[in-house]
Amino acid sequence: MPRRDRAELRGQETVLLVDDEPSIRRAGSRLLNRYGYRVVTAEDGPAAIACLENQGNGIDVVITDMVMPNMDARELIELIRGRWPRLPVLLSTGVESGRLGQRDLDLFNGIVPKPYTSEDLLSAVRKALDGRG
C-alpha cells in the first residue's frame, strides 16, 4: 500500500478500541489521540457493548482484538451488527488474514494485523470511516 500523507490520516471521530491487553489499549489510544481522534477503550466484548449503549451514536468506528476473555470478536461483531448495523468494525489480530475464514473476513470492514505500525492502524481507521455509506 502506498504511504499516505500523515495529514490524510488525521480525524476527529470517536474510536472504540477493544483489547484485553492494557498496553495495547494505552498505545493505541495515545497514537489515535495524537492524530485527533477521541478514543474510548474497553477490555472485552461486554464492556464494549456497554460503551456502545452508553455512547449512543457517538462511536464512529470499533477496533477489536480477535481473542479476548468473556466474548471473542466474532460474538462481539454479531451483537454490533444486530444493533448498530452501519457501524464500521475493524479486526485487530495476530492471525494471518490467509488463516481467517471468508466468513470472518466478510464480517469486518478491515483487518489491522498485529503487531501493527502507526500507519497500519491510522490507514485502516481512516479507510473504514471514509468507506462507510
C-alpha atoms as a PDB file:
ATOM      1  CA  MET A   1       0.000   0.000   0.000  1.00  0.00           C
ATOM      2  CA  PRO A   2       1.396   3.409  -0.884  1.00  0.00           C
ATOM      3  CA  ARG A   3       2.307   5.583   2.073  1.00  0.00           C
ATOM      4  CA  ARG A   4      -0.289   8.231   2.816  1.00  0.00           C
ATOM      5  CA  ASP A   5       0.423  11.804   3.800  1.00  0.00           C
ATOM      6  CA  ARG A   6       0.198  11.952   7.602  1.00  0.00           C
ATOM      7  CA  ALA A   7      -2.327  14.792   7.358  1.00  0.00           C
ATOM      8  CA  GLU A   8      -4.687  12.458   5.449  1.00  0.00           C
ATOM      9  CA  LEU A   9      -4.666  10.076   8.410  1.00  0.00           C
ATOM     10  CA  ARG A  10      -5.994  12.648  10.898  1.00  0.00           C
ATOM     11  CA  GLY A  11      -9.568  12.663  12.111  1.00  0.00           C
ATOM     12  CA  GLN A  12     -11.953  13.956  14.729  1.00  0.00           C
ATOM     13  CA  GLU A  13     -14.170  10.898  15.037  1.00  0.00           C
ATOM     14  CA  THR A  14     -14.601   8.683  18.090  1.00  0.00           C
ATOM     15  CA  VAL A  15     -12.931   5.271  18.113  1.00  0.00           C
ATOM     16  CA  LEU A  16     -13.854   2.417  20.462  1.00  0.00           C
ATOM     17  CA  LEU A  17     -10.681   0.368  20.997  1.00  0.00           C
ATOM     18  CA  VAL A  18     -11.385  -3.086  22.439  1.00  0.00           C
ATOM     19  CA  ASP A  19      -8.454  -5.197  23.645  1.00  0.00           C
ATOM     20  CA  ASP A  20      -7.782  -7.220  26.767  1.00  0.00           C
ATOM     21  CA  GLU A  21      -4.141  -6.069  26.857  1.00  0.00           C
ATOM     22  CA  PRO A  22      -3.816  -2.755  28.760  1.00  0.00           C
ATOM     23  CA  SER A  23      -0.554  -1.889  26.984  1.00  0.00           C
ATOM     24  CA  ILE A  24      -2.216  -2.194  23.562  1.00  0.00           C
ATOM     25  CA  ARG A  25      -5.140  -0.038  24.691  1.00  0.00           C
ATOM     26  CA  ARG A  26      -2.744   2.615  26.023  1.00  0.00           C
ATOM     27  CA  ALA A  27      -0.513   2.651  22.938  1.00  0.00           C
ATOM     28  CA  GLY A  28      -3.439   2.660  20.522  1.00  0.00           C
ATOM     29  CA  SER A  29      -5.162   5.439  22.454  1.00  0.00           C
ATOM     30  CA  ARG A  30      -2.039   7.616  22.501  1.00  0.00           C
ATOM     31  CA  LEU A  31      -1.494   7.192  18.777  1.00  0.00           C
ATOM     32  CA  LEU A  32      -5.092   7.860  17.809  1.00  0.00           C
ATOM     33  CA  ASN A  33      -5.326  10.852  20.175  1.00  0.00           C
ATOM     34  CA  ARG A  34      -2.160  12.298  18.649  1.00  0.00           C
ATOM     35  CA  TYR A  35      -3.918  12.225  15.258  1.00  0.00           C
ATOM     36  CA  GLY A  36      -7.041  13.972  16.533  1.00  0.00           C
ATOM     37  CA  TYR A  37      -9.308  11.030  17.302  1.00  0.00           C
ATOM     38  CA  ARG A  38     -11.273  10.736  20.517  1.00  0.00           C
ATOM     39  CA  VAL A  39     -10.730   7.258  21.972  1.00  0.00           C
ATOM     40  CA  VAL A  40     -12.899   5.189  24.281  1.00  0.00           C
ATOM     41  CA  THR A  41     -11.465   1.863  25.443  1.00  0.00           C
ATOM     42  CA  ALA A  42     -12.927  -1.421  26.614  1.00  0.00           C
ATOM     43  CA  GLU A  43     -11.162  -4.529  27.938  1.00  0.00           C
ATOM     44  CA  ASP A  44     -13.590  -7.080  26.469  1.00  0.00           C
ATOM     45  CA  GLY A  45     -16.779  -7.574  24.486  1.00  0.00           C
ATOM     46  CA  PRO A  46     -19.281  -6.973  27.302  1.00  0.00           C
ATOM     47  CA  ALA A  47     -17.512  -3.715  28.216  1.00  0.00           C
ATOM     48  CA  ALA A  48     -17.560  -2.703  24.538  1.00  0.00           C
ATOM     49  CA  ILE A  49     -21.306  -3.283  24.284  1.00  0.00           C
ATOM     50  CA  ALA A  50     -21.804  -1.232  27.476  1.00  0.00           C
ATOM     51  CA  CYS A  51     -19.756   1.607  25.919  1.00  0.00           C
ATOM     52  CA  LEU A  52     -21.831   1.485  22.752  1.00  0.00           C
ATOM     53  CA  GLU A  53     -25.068   1.538  24.742  1.00  0.00           C
ATOM     54  CA  ASN A  54     -23.862   4.483  26.856  1.00  0.00           C
ATOM     55  CA  GLN A  55     -22.418   6.482  23.957  1.00  0.00           C
ATOM     56  CA  GLY A  56     -25.493   6.175  21.731  1.00  0.00           C
ATOM     57  CA  ASN A  57     -24.450   7.038  18.204  1.00  0.00           C
ATOM     58  CA  GLY A  58     -21.272   8.743  19.424  1.00  0.00           C
ATOM     59  CA  ILE A  59     -18.922   5.913  18.385  1.00  0.00           C
ATOM     60  CA  ASP A  60     -17.810   6.157  14.759  1.00  0.00           C
ATOM     61  CA  VAL A  61     -15.661   3.018  14.424  1.00  0.00           C
ATOM     62  CA  VAL A  62     -14.749  -0.007  16.554  1.00  0.00           C
ATOM     63  CA  ILE A  63     -11.359  -1.733  16.576  1.00  0.00           C
ATOM     64  CA  THR A  64     -11.482  -5.094  18.300  1.00  0.00           C
ATOM     65  CA  ASP A  65      -8.977  -7.748  19.193  1.00  0.00           C
ATOM     66  CA  MET A  66      -9.844 -11.252  17.945  1.00  0.00           C
ATOM     67  CA  VAL A  67      -9.266 -13.294  21.098  1.00  0.00           C
ATOM     68  CA  MET A  68     -10.474 -11.879  24.408  1.00  0.00           C
ATOM     69  CA  PRO A  69     -11.932 -13.267  27.607  1.00  0.00           C
ATOM     70  CA  ASN A  70     -15.724 -13.294  28.050  1.00  0.00           C
ATOM     71  CA  MET A  71     -16.519 -12.719  24.364  1.00  0.00           C
ATOM     72  CA  ASP A  72     -14.429 -13.074  21.209  1.00  0.00           C
ATOM     73  CA  ALA A  73     -14.538 -10.727  18.227  1.00  0.00           C
ATOM     74  CA  ARG A  74     -16.997 -12.905  16.298  1.00  0.00           C
ATOM     75  CA  GLU A  75     -19.548 -12.761  19.106  1.00  0.00           C
ATOM     76  CA  LEU A  76     -18.965  -9.043  19.570  1.00  0.00           C
ATOM     77  CA  ILE A  77     -19.456  -8.165  15.925  1.00  0.00           C
ATOM     78  CA  GLU A  78     -22.630 -10.228  15.690  1.00  0.00           C
ATOM     79  CA  LEU A  79     -24.069  -8.188  18.565  1.00  0.00           C
ATOM     80  CA  ILE A  80     -22.865  -4.951  16.979  1.00  0.00           C
ATOM     81  CA  ARG A  81     -24.310  -5.822  13.562  1.00  0.00           C
ATOM     82  CA  GLY A  82     -27.650  -6.632  15.206  1.00  0.00           C
ATOM     83  CA  ARG A  83     -27.942  -3.254  16.941  1.00  0.00           C
ATOM     84  CA  TRP A  84     -25.658  -0.886  15.027  1.00  0.00           C
ATOM     85  CA  PRO A  85     -25.528  -2.403  11.504  1.00  0.00           C
ATOM     86  CA  ARG A  86     -23.783   0.548   9.827  1.00  0.00           C
ATOM     87  CA  LEU A  87     -21.014   0.916  12.431  1.00  0.00           C
ATOM     88  CA  PRO A  88     -17.615   0.066  10.895  1.00  0.00           C
ATOM     89  CA  VAL A  89     -15.695  -2.604  12.807  1.00  0.00           C
ATOM     90  CA  LEU A  90     -12.015  -3.395  12.295  1.00  0.00           C
ATOM     91  CA  LEU A  91     -10.457  -6.650  13.444  1.00  0.00           C
ATOM     92  CA  SER A  92      -7.033  -6.409  15.057  1.00  0.00           C
ATOM     93  CA  THR A  93      -5.329  -9.783  15.172  1.00  0.00           C
ATOM     94  CA  GLY A  94      -2.020 -11.576  15.099  1.00  0.00           C
ATOM     95  CA  VAL A  95      -3.607 -14.316  12.968  1.00  0.00           C
ATOM     96  CA  GLU A  96      -2.581 -14.012   9.325  1.00  0.00           C
ATOM     97  CA  SER A  97      -5.551 -12.993   7.183  1.00  0.00           C
ATOM     98  CA  GLY A  98      -4.971 -16.058   4.994  1.00  0.00           C
ATOM     99  CA  ARG A  99      -5.769 -18.230   8.015  1.00  0.00           C
ATOM    100  CA  LEU A 100      -9.069 -16.497   8.682  1.00  0.00           C
ATOM    101  CA  GLY A 101     -12.186 -17.914   7.076  1.00  0.00           C
ATOM    102  CA  GLN A 102     -14.057 -15.964   4.422  1.00  0.00           C
ATOM    103  CA  ARG A 103     -16.961 -15.618   6.863  1.00  0.00           C
ATOM    104  CA  ASP A 104     -14.633 -13.815   9.289  1.00  0.00           C
ATOM    105  CA  LEU A 105     -13.295 -11.542   6.567  1.00  0.00           C
ATOM    106  CA  ASP A 106     -16.828 -10.671   5.433  1.00  0.00           C
ATOM    107  CA  LEU A 107     -17.915  -9.707   8.954  1.00  0.00           C
ATOM    108  CA  PHE A 108     -15.371  -6.927   9.359  1.00  0.00           C
ATOM    109  CA  ASN A 109     -14.700  -3.683   7.486  1.00  0.00           C
ATOM    110  CA  GLY A 110     -10.976  -4.346   7.536  1.00  0.00           C
ATOM    111  CA  ILE A 111      -8.138  -6.053   9.333  1.00  0.00           C
ATOM    112  CA  VAL A 112      -5.295  -4.432  11.271  1.00  0.00           C
ATOM    113  CA  PRO A 113      -2.581  -7.082  11.592  1.00  0.00           C
ATOM    114  CA  LYS A 114      -0.695  -7.269  14.893  1.00  0.00           C
ATOM    115  CA  PRO A 115       1.863  -6.086  15.532  1.00  0.00           C
ATOM    116  CA  TYR A 116       0.783  -3.012  13.596  1.00  0.00           C
ATOM    117  CA  THR A 117       2.622   0.135  12.680  1.00  0.00           C
ATOM    118  CA  SER A 118       1.129   3.539  13.330  1.00  0.00           C
ATOM    119  CA  GLU A 119       0.420   3.903   9.610  1.00  0.00           C
ATOM    120  CA  ASP A 120      -1.302   0.479   9.503  1.00  0.00           C
ATOM    121  CA  LEU A 121      -3.666   1.470  12.291  1.00  0.00           C
ATOM    122  CA  LEU A 122      -4.333   5.026  11.132  1.00  0.00           C
ATOM    123  CA  SER A 123      -4.844   3.987   7.497  1.00  0.00           C
ATOM    124  CA  ALA A 124      -7.285   1.225   8.437  1.00  0.00           C
ATOM    125  CA  VAL A 125      -9.285   3.597  10.661  1.00  0.00           C
ATOM    126  CA  ARG A 126      -9.412   6.306   8.012  1.00  0.00           C
ATOM    127  CA  LYS A 127     -10.391   3.828   5.282  1.00  0.00           C
ATOM    128  CA  ALA A 128     -13.179   2.332   7.418  1.00  0.00           C
ATOM    129  CA  LEU A 129     -14.535   5.778   8.279  1.00  0.00           C
ATOM    130  CA  ASP A 130     -14.314   7.134   4.744  1.00  0.00           C
ATOM    131  CA  GLY A 131     -15.829   3.993   3.239  1.00  0.00           C
ATOM    132  CA  ARG A 132     -18.975   3.829   5.297  1.00  0.00           C
ATOM    133  CA  GLY A 133     -22.006   4.877   3.449  1.00  0.00           C
END
